[in-house]
């Protein structure tokens, strides 16, 4: 019987100590905090994905709006008339069409040269400055 009393005193002494109570409280707090932390981390990740998806939705909506505007323009009479004028040579009644062919001067200007390249090469540098300031 003395032995049973000693065992009871040992277990009651062990379980009623402040250290055991502190350990139990820490375990309970950890069991509460860990799921809350996991939930908060998961919620943060989901909110980040929501923000990314909202940005993607806004981008897709703006590109969709641009495509809708392009579609309405391509279906308009204005576009059809412009394409007919450029590609098919359409002219409206009362209009006169003038065709201007490239001359040698225009082809030189298109290539980055100028009409005065030949004369400038013949003139000396002093003559070029004289012509620049006095206009001869």
C-alpha atoms as a PDB file:
ATOM      1  CA  UNK A   1       0.000   0.000   0.000  1.00  0.00           C
ATOM      2  CA  UNK A   2       2.866   2.306   0.648  1.00  0.00           C
ATOM      3  CA  UNK A   3       4.059   1.594  -2.798  1.00  0.00           C
ATOM      4  CA  UNK A   4       0.716   2.643  -4.329  1.00  0.00           C
ATOM      5  CA  UNK A   5       0.777   5.822  -2.285  1.00  0.00           C
ATOM      6  CA  UNK A   6       4.233   6.645  -3.547  1.00  0.00           C
ATOM      7  CA  UNK A   7       3.117   6.093  -7.136  1.00  0.00           C
ATOM      8  CA  UNK A   8       0.105   8.330  -6.643  1.00  0.00           C
ATOM      9  CA  UNK A   9       2.209  11.022  -5.055  1.00  0.00           C
ATOM     10  CA  UNK A  10       4.688  10.770  -7.897  1.00  0.00           C
ATOM     11  CA  UNK A  11       2.040  11.091 -10.657  1.00  0.00           C
ATOM     12  CA  UNK A  12       0.017  13.750  -8.814  1.00  0.00           C
ATOM     13  CA  UNK A  13       3.205  15.610  -8.044  1.00  0.00           C
ATOM     14  CA  UNK A  14       4.328  15.347 -11.655  1.00  0.00           C
ATOM     15  CA  UNK A  15       1.000  16.425 -13.169  1.00  0.00           C
ATOM     16  CA  UNK A  16       0.351  19.257 -10.726  1.00  0.00           C
ATOM     17  CA  UNK A  17       3.716  20.965 -11.133  1.00  0.00           C
ATOM     18  CA  UNK A  18       3.891  24.344 -12.888  1.00  0.00           C
ATOM     19  CA  UNK A  19       6.303  22.914 -15.474  1.00  0.00           C
ATOM     20  CA  UNK A  20       3.805  20.287 -16.600  1.00  0.00           C
ATOM     21  CA  UNK A  21       1.019  22.867 -16.714  1.00  0.00           C
ATOM     22  CA  UNK A  22       3.215  25.140 -18.826  1.00  0.00           C
ATOM     23  CA  UNK A  23       4.063  22.281 -21.175  1.00  0.00           C
ATOM     24  CA  UNK A  24       0.400  21.369 -21.612  1.00  0.00           C
ATOM     25  CA  UNK A  25      -0.493  25.007 -22.267  1.00  0.00           C
ATOM     26  CA  UNK A  26       2.278  25.295 -24.895  1.00  0.00           C
ATOM     27  CA  UNK A  27       1.055  22.154 -26.642  1.00  0.00           C
ATOM     28  CA  UNK A  28      -2.524  23.460 -26.685  1.00  0.00           C
ATOM     29  CA  UNK A  29      -1.386  26.846 -27.996  1.00  0.00           C
ATOM     30  CA  UNK A  30       0.692  25.136 -30.717  1.00  0.00           C
ATOM     31  CA  UNK A  31      -2.311  23.021 -31.695  1.00  0.00           C
ATOM     32  CA  UNK A  32      -4.350  26.214 -32.075  1.00  0.00           C
ATOM     33  CA  UNK A  33      -1.717  28.363 -33.804  1.00  0.00           C
ATOM     34  CA  UNK A  34      -0.492  25.870 -36.441  1.00  0.00           C
ATOM     35  CA  UNK A  35      -3.842  25.470 -38.245  1.00  0.00           C
ATOM     36  CA  UNK A  36      -4.422  29.237 -38.079  1.00  0.00           C
ATOM     37  CA  UNK A  37      -0.975  29.824 -39.600  1.00  0.00           C
ATOM     38  CA  UNK A  38      -1.588  27.289 -42.382  1.00  0.00           C
ATOM     39  CA  UNK A  39      -4.960  28.854 -43.113  1.00  0.00           C
ATOM     40  CA  UNK A  40      -3.491  32.380 -43.217  1.00  0.00           C
ATOM     41  CA  UNK A  41      -0.659  31.266 -45.520  1.00  0.00           C
ATOM     42  CA  UNK A  42      -3.112  29.520 -47.836  1.00  0.00           C
ATOM     43  CA  UNK A  43      -5.406  32.563 -47.845  1.00  0.00           C
ATOM     44  CA  UNK A  44      -2.445  34.815 -48.718  1.00  0.00           C
ATOM     45  CA  UNK A  45      -1.501  32.548 -51.640  1.00  0.00           C
ATOM     46  CA  UNK A  46      -5.104  32.451 -52.889  1.00  0.00           C
ATOM     47  CA  UNK A  47      -5.388  36.252 -52.667  1.00  0.00           C
ATOM     48  CA  UNK A  48      -2.179  36.568 -54.704  1.00  0.00           C
ATOM     49  CA  UNK A  49      -3.591  34.270 -57.361  1.00  0.00           C
ATOM     50  CA  UNK A  50      -6.839  36.265 -57.381  1.00  0.00           C
ATOM     51  CA  UNK A  51      -4.923  39.502 -57.975  1.00  0.00           C
ATOM     52  CA  UNK A  52      -2.929  37.895 -60.809  1.00  0.00           C
ATOM     53  CA  UNK A  53      -6.084  36.543 -62.410  1.00  0.00           C
ATOM     54  CA  UNK A  54      -7.812  39.936 -62.120  1.00  0.00           C
ATOM     55  CA  UNK A  55      -4.859  41.576 -63.888  1.00  0.00           C
ATOM     56  CA  UNK A  56      -5.012  38.920 -66.586  1.00  0.00           C
ATOM     57  CA  UNK A  57      -8.771  39.457 -66.956  1.00  0.00           C
ATOM     58  CA  UNK A  58      -8.280  43.217 -67.334  1.00  0.00           C
ATOM     59  CA  UNK A  59      -5.577  42.673 -69.943  1.00  0.00           C
ATOM     60  CA  UNK A  60      -7.716  40.231 -71.889  1.00  0.00           C
ATOM     61  CA  UNK A  61     -10.721  42.556 -71.719  1.00  0.00           C
ATOM     62  CA  UNK A  62      -8.704  45.466 -73.108  1.00  0.00           C
ATOM     63  CA  UNK A  63      -7.338  43.328 -75.943  1.00  0.00           C
ATOM     64  CA  UNK A  64     -10.873  42.037 -76.556  1.00  0.00           C
ATOM     65  CA  UNK A  65     -12.124  45.642 -76.771  1.00  0.00           C
ATOM     66  CA  UNK A  66      -9.341  46.468 -79.236  1.00  0.00           C
ATOM     67  CA  UNK A  67     -10.246  43.489 -81.369  1.00  0.00           C
ATOM     68  CA  UNK A  68     -13.928  44.460 -81.285  1.00  0.00           C
ATOM     69  CA  UNK A  69     -13.033  47.986 -82.461  1.00  0.00           C
ATOM     70  CA  UNK A  70     -10.875  46.541 -85.228  1.00  0.00           C
ATOM     71  CA  UNK A  71     -13.683  44.205 -86.260  1.00  0.00           C
ATOM     72  CA  UNK A  72     -16.203  47.051 -86.477  1.00  0.00           C
ATOM     73  CA  UNK A  73     -13.702  49.099 -88.508  1.00  0.00           C
ATOM     74  CA  UNK A  74     -13.029  46.207 -90.874  1.00  0.00           C
ATOM     75  CA  UNK A  75     -16.766  45.735 -91.386  1.00  0.00           C
ATOM     76  CA  UNK A  76     -17.402  49.440 -92.003  1.00  0.00           C
ATOM     77  CA  UNK A  77     -18.010  51.037 -95.384  1.00  0.00           C
ATOM     78  CA  UNK A  78     -15.123  53.415 -94.784  1.00  0.00           C
ATOM     79  CA  UNK A  79     -12.620  50.534 -94.705  1.00  0.00           C
ATOM     80  CA  UNK A  80     -14.155  48.888 -97.762  1.00  0.00           C
ATOM     81  CA  UNK A  81     -13.963  52.168 -99.701  1.00  0.00           C
ATOM     82  CA  UNK A  82     -10.369  52.798 -98.628  1.00  0.00           C
ATOM     83  CA  UNK A  83      -9.285  49.305 -99.668  1.00  0.00           C
ATOM     84  CA  UNK A  84     -11.128  49.629-102.971  1.00  0.00           C
ATOM     85  CA  UNK A  85      -9.401  52.940-103.657  1.00  0.00           C
ATOM     86  CA  UNK A  86      -5.944  51.619-102.795  1.00  0.00           C
ATOM     87  CA  UNK A  87      -6.090  48.147-104.285  1.00  0.00           C
ATOM     88  CA  UNK A  88      -8.779  48.255-106.969  1.00  0.00           C
ATOM     89  CA  UNK A  89      -8.455  51.817-108.290  1.00  0.00           C
ATOM     90  CA  UNK A  90     -11.956  52.924-107.300  1.00  0.00           C
ATOM     91  CA  UNK A  91     -12.939  56.492-108.054  1.00  0.00           C
ATOM     92  CA  UNK A  92     -16.157  58.182-107.095  1.00  0.00           C
ATOM     93  CA  UNK A  93     -18.297  59.975-109.697  1.00  0.00           C
ATOM     94  CA  UNK A  94     -16.926  63.461-110.304  1.00  0.00           C
ATOM     95  CA  UNK A  95     -13.402  62.618-109.124  1.00  0.00           C
ATOM     96  CA  UNK A  96     -10.383  62.835-111.379  1.00  0.00           C
ATOM     97  CA  UNK A  97      -7.446  60.540-110.761  1.00  0.00           C
ATOM     98  CA  UNK A  98      -3.961  61.707-111.550  1.00  0.00           C
ATOM     99  CA  UNK A  99      -1.120  59.221-111.801  1.00  0.00           C
ATOM    100  CA  UNK A 100       2.312  60.617-111.049  1.00  0.00           C
ATOM    101  CA  UNK A 101       5.178  58.484-112.190  1.00  0.00           C
ATOM    102  CA  UNK A 102       8.586  58.623-110.549  1.00  0.00           C
ATOM    103  CA  UNK A 103      11.111  60.673-112.389  1.00  0.00           C
ATOM    104  CA  UNK A 104      14.849  60.473-111.923  1.00  0.00           C
ATOM    105  CA  UNK A 105      14.719  63.297-109.382  1.00  0.00           C
ATOM    106  CA  UNK A 106      12.177  61.518-107.190  1.00  0.00           C
ATOM    107  CA  UNK A 107      14.106  58.262-107.275  1.00  0.00           C
ATOM    108  CA  UNK A 108      17.261  60.097-106.197  1.00  0.00           C
ATOM    109  CA  UNK A 109      15.427  61.711-103.301  1.00  0.00           C
ATOM    110  CA  UNK A 110      13.926  58.374-102.293  1.00  0.00           C
ATOM    111  CA  UNK A 111      17.384  56.835-102.168  1.00  0.00           C
ATOM    112  CA  UNK A 112      18.610  59.501 -99.770  1.00  0.00           C
ATOM    113  CA  UNK A 113      20.466  61.583-102.328  1.00  0.00           C
ATOM    114  CA  UNK A 114      19.659  65.052-103.596  1.00  0.00           C
ATOM    115  CA  UNK A 115      19.411  66.624-107.017  1.00  0.00           C
ATOM    116  CA  UNK A 116      22.406  68.872-106.339  1.00  0.00           C
ATOM    117  CA  UNK A 117      24.834  66.044-105.511  1.00  0.00           C
ATOM    118  CA  UNK A 118      26.611  66.280-108.867  1.00  0.00           C
ATOM    119  CA  UNK A 119      27.008  70.063-108.739  1.00  0.00           C
ATOM    120  CA  UNK A 120      28.058  69.995-105.083  1.00  0.00           C
ATOM    121  CA  UNK A 121      30.834  67.539-105.837  1.00  0.00           C
ATOM    122  CA  UNK A 122      32.249  69.858-108.519  1.00  0.00           C
ATOM    123  CA  UNK A 123      32.231  72.960-106.285  1.00  0.00           C
ATOM    124  CA  UNK A 124      34.967  73.558-103.753  1.00  0.00           C
ATOM    125  CA  UNK A 125      34.213  73.946-100.084  1.00  0.00           C
ATOM    126  CA  UNK A 126      34.755  77.719-100.224  1.00  0.00           C
ATOM    127  CA  UNK A 127      32.294  78.030-103.133  1.00  0.00           C
ATOM    128  CA  UNK A 128      29.708  75.995-101.184  1.00  0.00           C
ATOM    129  CA  UNK A 129      29.987  78.348 -98.193  1.00  0.00           C
ATOM    130  CA  UNK A 130      29.768  81.408-100.498  1.00  0.00           C
ATOM    131  CA  UNK A 131      26.604  79.984-102.079  1.00  0.00           C
ATOM    132  CA  UNK A 132      25.191  79.152 -98.676  1.00  0.00           C
ATOM    133  CA  UNK A 133      25.585  82.679 -97.290  1.00  0.00           C
ATOM    134  CA  UNK A 134      25.032  84.730-100.422  1.00  0.00           C
ATOM    135  CA  UNK A 135      22.610  82.486-102.275  1.00  0.00           C
ATOM    136  CA  UNK A 136      24.360  82.107-105.619  1.00  0.00           C
END
